[in-house]
Every structure is written in C-alpha cells, then in structure tokens.
Amino acid sequence: MLSHHDRQELEKIERWFELTEPALAAQLRSGRPACSPLLRLALLLSLDITAGLLMLPGIVVNSPALLLTGMITVTAAVIAHLSRFGRA
C-alpha cells in the first residue's frame, strides 16, 4: 500500500496531467493502447500507393472515372498526412 504522502503526490501528478495534457489523461484513463506507429505508416503508405495506382491508369487510358477516383484518393491522402493521424 502507498503512504498518505505518496497518494497525495500521485493525485498532484494526475491533476497536472489533466491540466496540461487532457488527451493523454483521457487515453490513460480509458486504458486503450495507442495505435502503433508502424500501423499508421502502413496505412498512410497504402493510401499513397493506391492514389498513385489510380491516377496513373486514369491518365494513360484517359479515363475520367479513374482520374477522379485517383484525385479523391490523393485528397484523402493529403488530409491524412496533414491531420493528427499522420503525426501522432
């Protein structure tokens, strides 16, 4: 068991985390593990590759449907890279 002083110090640390890093405190409170960086990287790279593989045939074959789908995928990739998902 922790002493009274240790419990008080832990409560101070908990309050400090809640004030300075509310997202971290909420994640620690929920107990869910964070998404691994390798998984995030794999998802971003697969989105980039998919965008390229849709745009290239769309340009070569002159298919507006493939080109539009590729452009939408590129937009999604840019949003993913600029969002918190790509950084955190």
PDB file of N, CA and C in Angstrom:
ATOM      1  N   MET A   1       0.836  -1.188   0.000  1.00  0.00           N
ATOM      2  CA  MET A   1       0.000   0.000   0.000  1.00  0.00           C
ATOM      3  C   MET A   1       0.876   1.243   0.000  1.00  0.00           C
ATOM      4  N   LEU A   2       0.334   2.279  -0.580  1.00  0.00           N
ATOM      5  CA  LEU A   2       1.047   3.546  -0.635  1.00  0.00           C
ATOM      6  C   LEU A   2       0.768   4.354   0.621  1.00  0.00           C
ATOM      7  N   SER A   3       1.759   5.133   0.996  1.00  0.00           N
ATOM      8  CA  SER A   3       1.567   6.006   2.154  1.00  0.00           C
ATOM      9  C   SER A   3       0.671   7.178   1.763  1.00  0.00           C
ATOM     10  N   HIS A   4       0.223   7.895   2.765  1.00  0.00           N
ATOM     11  CA  HIS A   4      -0.643   9.052   2.528  1.00  0.00           C
ATOM     12  C   HIS A   4       0.077  10.089   1.663  1.00  0.00           C
ATOM     13  N   HIS A   5       1.340  10.312   1.940  1.00  0.00           N
ATOM     14  CA  HIS A   5       2.133  11.279   1.176  1.00  0.00           C
ATOM     15  C   HIS A   5       2.265  10.841  -0.287  1.00  0.00           C
ATOM     16  N   ASP A   6       2.515   9.553  -0.521  1.00  0.00           N
ATOM     17  CA  ASP A   6       2.645   9.044  -1.891  1.00  0.00           C
ATOM     18  C   ASP A   6       1.348   9.205  -2.675  1.00  0.00           C
ATOM     19  N   ARG A   7       0.218   8.924  -2.012  1.00  0.00           N
ATOM     20  CA  ARG A   7      -1.073   9.094  -2.674  1.00  0.00           C
ATOM     21  C   ARG A   7      -1.323  10.550  -3.036  1.00  0.00           C
ATOM     22  N   GLN A   8      -0.956  11.460  -2.144  1.00  0.00           N
ATOM     23  CA  GLN A   8      -1.120  12.885  -2.427  1.00  0.00           C
ATOM     24  C   GLN A   8      -0.257  13.307  -3.615  1.00  0.00           C
ATOM     25  N   GLU A   9       0.969  12.815  -3.661  1.00  0.00           N
ATOM     26  CA  GLU A   9       1.853  13.153  -4.774  1.00  0.00           C
ATOM     27  C   GLU A   9       1.312  12.604  -6.097  1.00  0.00           C
ATOM     28  N   LEU A  10       0.779  11.392  -6.074  1.00  0.00           N
ATOM     29  CA  LEU A  10       0.184  10.819  -7.279  1.00  0.00           C
ATOM     30  C   LEU A  10      -1.040  11.617  -7.733  1.00  0.00           C
ATOM     31  N   GLU A  11      -1.845  12.086  -6.790  1.00  0.00           N
ATOM     32  CA  GLU A  11      -3.003  12.911  -7.132  1.00  0.00           C
ATOM     33  C   GLU A  11      -2.564  14.242  -7.745  1.00  0.00           C
ATOM     34  N   LYS A  12      -1.471  14.822  -7.255  1.00  0.00           N
ATOM     35  CA  LYS A  12      -0.943  16.058  -7.846  1.00  0.00           C
ATOM     36  C   LYS A  12      -0.500  15.814  -9.287  1.00  0.00           C
ATOM     37  N   ILE A  13       0.176  14.698  -9.498  1.00  0.00           N
ATOM     38  CA  ILE A  13       0.632  14.359 -10.856  1.00  0.00           C
ATOM     39  C   ILE A  13      -0.566  14.144 -11.773  1.00  0.00           C
ATOM     40  N   GLU A  14      -1.588  13.473 -11.273  1.00  0.00           N
ATOM     41  CA  GLU A  14      -2.793  13.244 -12.064  1.00  0.00           C
ATOM     42  C   GLU A  14      -3.466  14.563 -12.448  1.00  0.00           C
ATOM     43  N   ARG A  15      -3.597  15.482 -11.494  1.00  0.00           N
ATOM     44  CA  ARG A  15      -4.188  16.798 -11.789  1.00  0.00           C
ATOM     45  C   ARG A  15      -3.339  17.555 -12.802  1.00  0.00           C
ATOM     46  N   TRP A  16      -2.009  17.470 -12.678  1.00  0.00           N
ATOM     47  CA  TRP A  16      -1.125  18.157 -13.608  1.00  0.00           C
ATOM     48  C   TRP A  16      -1.312  17.616 -15.025  1.00  0.00           C
ATOM     49  N   PHE A  17      -1.404  16.280 -15.151  1.00  0.00           N
ATOM     50  CA  PHE A  17      -1.633  15.682 -16.458  1.00  0.00           C
ATOM     51  C   PHE A  17      -2.964  16.128 -17.045  1.00  0.00           C
ATOM     52  N   GLU A  18      -4.009  16.172 -16.224  1.00  0.00           N
ATOM     53  CA  GLU A  18      -5.320  16.574 -16.722  1.00  0.00           C
ATOM     54  C   GLU A  18      -5.341  18.023 -17.184  1.00  0.00           C
ATOM     55  N   LEU A  19      -4.544  18.881 -16.554  1.00  0.00           N
ATOM     56  CA  LEU A  19      -4.491  20.288 -16.953  1.00  0.00           C
ATOM     57  C   LEU A  19      -3.609  20.504 -18.178  1.00  0.00           C
ATOM     58  N   THR A  20      -2.472  19.830 -18.235  1.00  0.00           N
ATOM     59  CA  THR A  20      -1.521  20.102 -19.320  1.00  0.00           C
ATOM     60  C   THR A  20      -1.734  19.213 -20.536  1.00  0.00           C
ATOM     61  N   GLU A  21      -2.125  17.978 -20.352  1.00  0.00           N
ATOM     62  CA  GLU A  21      -2.302  17.026 -21.456  1.00  0.00           C
ATOM     63  C   GLU A  21      -3.634  16.284 -21.301  1.00  0.00           C
ATOM     64  N   PRO A  22      -4.761  16.962 -21.572  1.00  0.00           N
ATOM     65  CA  PRO A  22      -6.053  16.307 -21.361  1.00  0.00           C
ATOM     66  C   PRO A  22      -6.262  15.085 -22.259  1.00  0.00           C
ATOM     67  N   ALA A  23      -5.730  15.109 -23.482  1.00  0.00           N
ATOM     68  CA  ALA A  23      -5.898  13.957 -24.376  1.00  0.00           C
ATOM     69  C   ALA A  23      -5.143  12.748 -23.843  1.00  0.00           C
ATOM     70  N   LEU A  24      -3.924  12.976 -23.355  1.00  0.00           N
ATOM     71  CA  LEU A  24      -3.142  11.881 -22.783  1.00  0.00           C
ATOM     72  C   LEU A  24      -3.820  11.340 -21.534  1.00  0.00           C
ATOM     73  N   ALA A  25      -4.320  12.228 -20.702  1.00  0.00           N
ATOM     74  CA  ALA A  25      -5.000  11.783 -19.479  1.00  0.00           C
ATOM     75  C   ALA A  25      -6.238  10.956 -19.813  1.00  0.00           C
ATOM     76  N   ALA A  26      -6.987  11.381 -20.826  1.00  0.00           N
ATOM     77  CA  ALA A  26      -8.183  10.623 -21.217  1.00  0.00           C
ATOM     78  C   ALA A  26      -7.806   9.267 -21.779  1.00  0.00           C
ATOM     79  N   GLN A  27      -6.733   9.220 -22.563  1.00  0.00           N
ATOM     80  CA  GLN A  27      -6.308   7.943 -23.127  1.00  0.00           C
ATOM     81  C   GLN A  27      -5.811   7.007 -22.030  1.00  0.00           C
ATOM     82  N   LEU A  28      -5.064   7.532 -21.081  1.00  0.00           N
ATOM     83  CA  LEU A  28      -4.598   6.694 -19.969  1.00  0.00           C
ATOM     84  C   LEU A  28      -5.770   6.213 -19.117  1.00  0.00           C
ATOM     85  N   ARG A  29      -6.767   7.088 -18.944  1.00  0.00           N
ATOM     86  CA  ARG A  29      -7.928   6.718 -18.144  1.00  0.00           C
ATOM     87  C   ARG A  29      -8.746   5.626 -18.830  1.00  0.00           C
ATOM     88  N   SER A  30      -8.824   5.674 -20.171  1.00  0.00           N
ATOM     89  CA  SER A  30      -9.624   4.683 -20.895  1.00  0.00           C
ATOM     90  C   SER A  30      -8.948   3.318 -20.934  1.00  0.00           C
ATOM     91  N   GLY A  31      -7.624   3.312 -20.863  1.00  0.00           N
ATOM     92  CA  GLY A  31      -6.910   2.041 -20.829  1.00  0.00           C
ATOM     93  C   GLY A  31      -6.712   1.395 -22.181  1.00  0.00           C
ATOM     94  N   ARG A  32      -7.016   2.113 -23.274  1.00  0.00           N
ATOM     95  CA  ARG A  32      -6.817   1.557 -24.605  1.00  0.00           C
ATOM     96  C   ARG A  32      -5.386   1.805 -25.048  1.00  0.00           C
ATOM     97  N   PRO A  33      -4.751   0.817 -25.643  1.00  0.00           N
ATOM     98  CA  PRO A  33      -3.392   1.042 -26.146  1.00  0.00           C
ATOM     99  C   PRO A  33      -3.407   1.939 -27.378  1.00  0.00           C
ATOM    100  N   ALA A  34      -2.362   2.688 -27.548  1.00  0.00           N
ATOM    101  CA  ALA A  34      -2.251   3.584 -28.702  1.00  0.00           C
ATOM    102  C   ALA A  34      -1.992   2.761 -29.961  1.00  0.00           C
ATOM    103  N   CYS A  35      -2.398   3.309 -31.087  1.00  0.00           N
ATOM    104  CA  CYS A  35      -2.153   2.685 -32.380  1.00  0.00           C
ATOM    105  C   CYS A  35      -0.655   2.729 -32.651  1.00  0.00           C
ATOM    106  N   SER A  36      -0.095   1.633 -33.106  1.00  0.00           N
ATOM    107  CA  SER A  36       1.344   1.583 -33.307  1.00  0.00           C
ATOM    108  C   SER A  36       1.758   2.471 -34.473  1.00  0.00           C
ATOM    109  N   PRO A  37       2.947   3.059 -34.382  1.00  0.00           N
ATOM    110  CA  PRO A  37       3.422   3.920 -35.469  1.00  0.00           C
ATOM    111  C   PRO A  37       3.597   3.154 -36.784  1.00  0.00           C
ATOM    112  N   LEU A  38       3.956   1.884 -36.699  1.00  0.00           N
ATOM    113  CA  LEU A  38       4.121   1.096 -37.920  1.00  0.00           C
ATOM    114  C   LEU A  38       2.791   0.897 -38.637  1.00  0.00           C
ATOM    115  N   LEU A  39       1.727   0.710 -37.880  1.00  0.00           N
ATOM    116  CA  LEU A  39       0.407   0.555 -38.485  1.00  0.00           C
ATOM    117  C   LEU A  39      -0.016   1.851 -39.178  1.00  0.00           C
ATOM    118  N   ARG A  40       0.225   2.994 -38.499  1.00  0.00           N
ATOM    119  CA  ARG A  40      -0.089   4.289 -39.108  1.00  0.00           C
ATOM    120  C   ARG A  40       0.698   4.490 -40.393  1.00  0.00           C
ATOM    121  N   LEU A  41       1.988   4.163 -40.352  1.00  0.00           N
ATOM    122  CA  LEU A  41       2.832   4.320 -41.533  1.00  0.00           C
ATOM    123  C   LEU A  41       2.347   3.422 -42.668  1.00  0.00           C
ATOM    124  N   ALA A  42       1.983   2.191 -42.335  1.00  0.00           N
ATOM    125  CA  ALA A  42       1.491   1.262 -43.361  1.00  0.00           C
ATOM    126  C   ALA A  42       0.192   1.770 -43.985  1.00  0.00           C
ATOM    127  N   LEU A  43      -0.703   2.310 -43.177  1.00  0.00           N
ATOM    128  CA  LEU A  43      -1.960   2.838 -43.705  1.00  0.00           C
ATOM    129  C   LEU A  43      -1.725   4.054 -44.604  1.00  0.00           C
ATOM    130  N   LEU A  44      -0.839   4.939 -44.180  1.00  0.00           N
ATOM    131  CA  LEU A  44      -0.556   6.122 -44.996  1.00  0.00           C
ATOM    132  C   LEU A  44       0.115   5.743 -46.309  1.00  0.00           C
ATOM    133  N   LEU A  45       1.082   4.833 -46.246  1.00  0.00           N
ATOM    134  CA  LEU A  45       1.758   4.417 -47.468  1.00  0.00           C
ATOM    135  C   LEU A  45       0.814   3.682 -48.413  1.00  0.00           C
ATOM    136  N   SER A  46      -0.062   2.861 -47.868  1.00  0.00           N
ATOM    137  CA  SER A  46      -1.007   2.159 -48.740  1.00  0.00           C
ATOM    138  C   SER A  46      -1.984   3.141 -49.397  1.00  0.00           C
ATOM    139  N   LEU A  47      -2.353   4.186 -48.680  1.00  0.00           N
ATOM    140  CA  LEU A  47      -3.215   5.211 -49.261  1.00  0.00           C
ATOM    141  C   LEU A  47      -2.485   5.969 -50.372  1.00  0.00           C
ATOM    142  N   ASP A  48      -1.210   6.268 -50.150  1.00  0.00           N
ATOM    143  CA  ASP A  48      -0.410   6.943 -51.183  1.00  0.00           C
ATOM    144  C   ASP A  48      -0.257   6.073 -52.429  1.00  0.00           C
ATOM    145  N   ILE A  49       0.065   4.814 -52.234  1.00  0.00           N
ATOM    146  CA  ILE A  49       0.259   3.901 -53.363  1.00  0.00           C
ATOM    147  C   ILE A  49      -1.049   3.712 -54.129  1.00  0.00           C
ATOM    148  N   THR A  50      -2.149   3.568 -53.398  1.00  0.00           N
ATOM    149  CA  THR A  50      -3.448   3.420 -54.053  1.00  0.00           C
ATOM    150  C   THR A  50      -3.782   4.650 -54.888  1.00  0.00           C
ATOM    151  N   ALA A  51      -3.491   5.826 -54.355  1.00  0.00           N
ATOM    152  CA  ALA A  51      -3.754   7.058 -55.109  1.00  0.00           C
ATOM    153  C   ALA A  51      -2.939   7.080 -56.396  1.00  0.00           C
ATOM    154  N   GLY A  52      -1.671   6.714 -56.302  1.00  0.00           N
ATOM    155  CA  GLY A  52      -0.829   6.688 -57.493  1.00  0.00           C
ATOM    156  C   GLY A  52      -1.281   5.655 -58.502  1.00  0.00           C
ATOM    157  N   LEU A  53      -1.670   4.482 -58.007  1.00  0.00           N
ATOM    158  CA  LEU A  53      -2.109   3.417 -58.911  1.00  0.00           C
ATOM    159  C   LEU A  53      -3.453   3.720 -59.557  1.00  0.00           C
ATOM    160  N   LEU A  54      -4.234   4.594 -58.981  1.00  0.00           N
ATOM    161  CA  LEU A  54      -5.492   5.013 -59.615  1.00  0.00           C
ATOM    162  C   LEU A  54      -5.270   6.156 -60.606  1.00  0.00           C
ATOM    163  N   MET A  55      -4.360   7.063 -60.265  1.00  0.00           N
ATOM    164  CA  MET A  55      -4.125   8.213 -61.134  1.00  0.00           C
ATOM    165  C   MET A  55      -3.390   7.816 -62.422  1.00  0.00           C
ATOM    166  N   LEU A  56      -2.381   6.966 -62.302  1.00  0.00           N
ATOM    167  CA  LEU A  56      -1.574   6.609 -63.464  1.00  0.00           C
ATOM    168  C   LEU A  56      -2.394   5.976 -64.589  1.00  0.00           C
ATOM    169  N   PRO A  57      -3.181   4.930 -64.319  1.00  0.00           N
ATOM    170  CA  PRO A  57      -4.010   4.386 -65.406  1.00  0.00           C
ATOM    171  C   PRO A  57      -5.070   5.384 -65.883  1.00  0.00           C
ATOM    172  N   GLY A  58      -5.542   6.232 -64.993  1.00  0.00           N
ATOM    173  CA  GLY A  58      -6.521   7.238 -65.396  1.00  0.00           C
ATOM    174  C   GLY A  58      -5.951   8.207 -66.408  1.00  0.00           C
ATOM    175  N   ILE A  59      -4.672   8.549 -66.248  1.00  0.00           N
ATOM    176  CA  ILE A  59      -4.014   9.442 -67.209  1.00  0.00           C
ATOM    177  C   ILE A  59      -3.690   8.696 -68.501  1.00  0.00           C
ATOM    178  N   VAL A  60      -3.142   7.473 -68.371  1.00  0.00           N
ATOM    179  CA  VAL A  60      -2.730   6.703 -69.554  1.00  0.00           C
ATOM    180  C   VAL A  60      -3.932   6.327 -70.424  1.00  0.00           C
ATOM    181  N   VAL A  61      -4.982   5.835 -69.806  1.00  0.00           N
ATOM    182  CA  VAL A  61      -6.154   5.362 -70.550  1.00  0.00           C
ATOM    183  C   VAL A  61      -7.109   6.516 -70.863  1.00  0.00           C
ATOM    184  N   ASN A  62      -6.864   7.673 -70.254  1.00  0.00           N
ATOM    185  CA  ASN A  62      -7.732   8.833 -70.428  1.00  0.00           C
ATOM    186  C   ASN A  62      -9.149   8.537 -69.927  1.00  0.00           C
ATOM    187  N   SER A  63      -9.202   7.957 -68.715  1.00  0.00           N
ATOM    188  CA  SER A  63     -10.475   7.596 -68.107  1.00  0.00           C
ATOM    189  C   SER A  63     -10.836   8.623 -67.026  1.00  0.00           C
ATOM    190  N   PRO A  64     -11.876   9.400 -67.257  1.00  0.00           N
ATOM    191  CA  PRO A  64     -12.261  10.398 -66.244  1.00  0.00           C
ATOM    192  C   PRO A  64     -12.658   9.771 -64.907  1.00  0.00           C
ATOM    193  N   ALA A  65     -13.258   8.596 -64.949  1.00  0.00           N
ATOM    194  CA  ALA A  65     -13.687   7.957 -63.699  1.00  0.00           C
ATOM    195  C   ALA A  65     -12.476   7.562 -62.852  1.00  0.00           C
ATOM    196  N   LEU A  66     -11.465   6.953 -63.474  1.00  0.00           N
ATOM    197  CA  LEU A  66     -10.263   6.581 -62.727  1.00  0.00           C
ATOM    198  C   LEU A  66      -9.512   7.819 -62.256  1.00  0.00           C
ATOM    199  N   LEU A  67      -9.447   8.818 -63.093  1.00  0.00           N
ATOM    200  CA  LEU A  67      -8.755  10.042 -62.728  1.00  0.00           C
ATOM    201  C   LEU A  67      -9.441  10.741 -61.557  1.00  0.00           C
ATOM    202  N   LEU A  68     -10.753  10.808 -61.591  1.00  0.00           N
ATOM    203  CA  LEU A  68     -11.497  11.429 -60.487  1.00  0.00           C
ATOM    204  C   LEU A  68     -11.327  10.627 -59.194  1.00  0.00           C
ATOM    205  N   THR A  69     -11.411   9.313 -59.306  1.00  0.00           N
ATOM    206  CA  THR A  69     -11.221   8.469 -58.121  1.00  0.00           C
ATOM    207  C   THR A  69      -9.811   8.647 -57.563  1.00  0.00           C
ATOM    208  N   GLY A  70      -8.833   8.724 -58.449  1.00  0.00           N
ATOM    209  CA  GLY A  70      -7.457   8.959 -58.013  1.00  0.00           C
ATOM    210  C   GLY A  70      -7.295  10.306 -57.340  1.00  0.00           C
ATOM    211  N   MET A  71      -7.942  11.326 -57.878  1.00  0.00           N
ATOM    212  CA  MET A  71      -7.849  12.655 -57.285  1.00  0.00           C
ATOM    213  C   MET A  71      -8.510  12.700 -55.908  1.00  0.00           C
ATOM    214  N   ILE A  72      -9.602  12.000 -55.754  1.00  0.00           N
ATOM    215  CA  ILE A  72     -10.268  11.924 -54.444  1.00  0.00           C
ATOM    216  C   ILE A  72      -9.367  11.191 -53.454  1.00  0.00           C
ATOM    217  N   THR A  73      -8.714  10.133 -53.918  1.00  0.00           N
ATOM    218  CA  THR A  73      -7.804   9.379 -53.052  1.00  0.00           C
ATOM    219  C   THR A  73      -6.583  10.222 -52.680  1.00  0.00           C
ATOM    220  N   VAL A  74      -6.073  11.000 -53.622  1.00  0.00           N
ATOM    221  CA  VAL A  74      -4.953  11.901 -53.316  1.00  0.00           C
ATOM    222  C   VAL A  74      -5.378  12.928 -52.266  1.00  0.00           C
ATOM    223  N   THR A  75      -6.572  13.455 -52.393  1.00  0.00           N
ATOM    224  CA  THR A  75      -7.086  14.408 -51.404  1.00  0.00           C
ATOM    225  C   THR A  75      -7.183  13.769 -50.027  1.00  0.00           C
ATOM    226  N   ALA A  76      -7.677  12.539 -49.991  1.00  0.00           N
ATOM    227  CA  ALA A  76      -7.760  11.826 -48.706  1.00  0.00           C
ATOM    228  C   ALA A  76      -6.371  11.585 -48.134  1.00  0.00           C
ATOM    229  N   ALA A  77      -5.406  11.275 -48.990  1.00  0.00           N
ATOM    230  CA  ALA A  77      -4.030  11.046 -48.526  1.00  0.00           C
ATOM    231  C   ALA A  77      -3.424  12.330 -47.957  1.00  0.00           C
ATOM    232  N   VAL A  78      -3.667  13.447 -48.626  1.00  0.00           N
ATOM    233  CA  VAL A  78      -3.143  14.726 -48.135  1.00  0.00           C
ATOM    234  C   VAL A  78      -3.767  15.062 -46.786  1.00  0.00           C
ATOM    235  N   ILE A  79      -5.056  14.868 -46.675  1.00  0.00           N
ATOM    236  CA  ILE A  79      -5.737  15.138 -45.395  1.00  0.00           C
ATOM    237  C   ILE A  79      -5.188  14.227 -44.304  1.00  0.00           C
ATOM    238  N   ALA A  80      -4.960  12.961 -44.624  1.00  0.00           N
ATOM    239  CA  ALA A  80      -4.419  12.027 -43.640  1.00  0.00           C
ATOM    240  C   ALA A  80      -3.006  12.424 -43.223  1.00  0.00           C
ATOM    241  N   HIS A  81      -2.202  12.867 -44.162  1.00  0.00           N
ATOM    242  CA  HIS A  81      -0.839  13.270 -43.828  1.00  0.00           C
ATOM    243  C   HIS A  81      -0.812  14.545 -42.985  1.00  0.00           C
ATOM    244  N   LEU A  82      -1.717  15.464 -43.244  1.00  0.00           N
ATOM    245  CA  LEU A  82      -1.734  16.720 -42.503  1.00  0.00           C
ATOM    246  C   LEU A  82      -2.484  16.648 -41.182  1.00  0.00           C
ATOM    247  N   SER A  83      -3.299  15.628 -41.026  1.00  0.00           N
ATOM    248  CA  SER A  83      -4.104  15.516 -39.801  1.00  0.00           C
ATOM    249  C   SER A  83      -3.277  14.969 -38.654  1.00  0.00           C
ATOM    250  N   ARG A  84      -3.869  14.914 -37.519  1.00  0.00           N
ATOM    251  CA  ARG A  84      -3.221  14.359 -36.328  1.00  0.00           C
ATOM    252  C   ARG A  84      -2.911  12.878 -36.525  1.00  0.00           C
ATOM    253  N   PHE A  85      -3.695  12.200 -37.373  1.00  0.00           N
ATOM    254  CA  PHE A  85      -3.482  10.774 -37.602  1.00  0.00           C
ATOM    255  C   PHE A  85      -2.094  10.512 -38.162  1.00  0.00           C
ATOM    256  N   GLY A  86      -1.638  11.393 -39.034  1.00  0.00           N
ATOM    257  CA  GLY A  86      -0.336  11.198 -39.654  1.00  0.00           C
ATOM    258  C   GLY A  86       0.824  11.526 -38.733  1.00  0.00           C
ATOM    259  N   ARG A  87       0.604  12.335 -37.727  1.00  0.00           N
ATOM    260  CA  ARG A  87       1.696  12.767 -36.853  1.00  0.00           C
ATOM    261  C   ARG A  87       1.785  11.965 -35.573  1.00  0.00           C
ATOM    262  N   ALA A  88       0.634  11.708 -34.962  1.00  0.00           N
ATOM    263  CA  ALA A  88       0.667  11.113 -33.656  1.00  0.00           C
ATOM    264  C   ALA A  88       0.875   9.658 -33.653  1.00  0.00           C
TER     265      ALA A  88
END
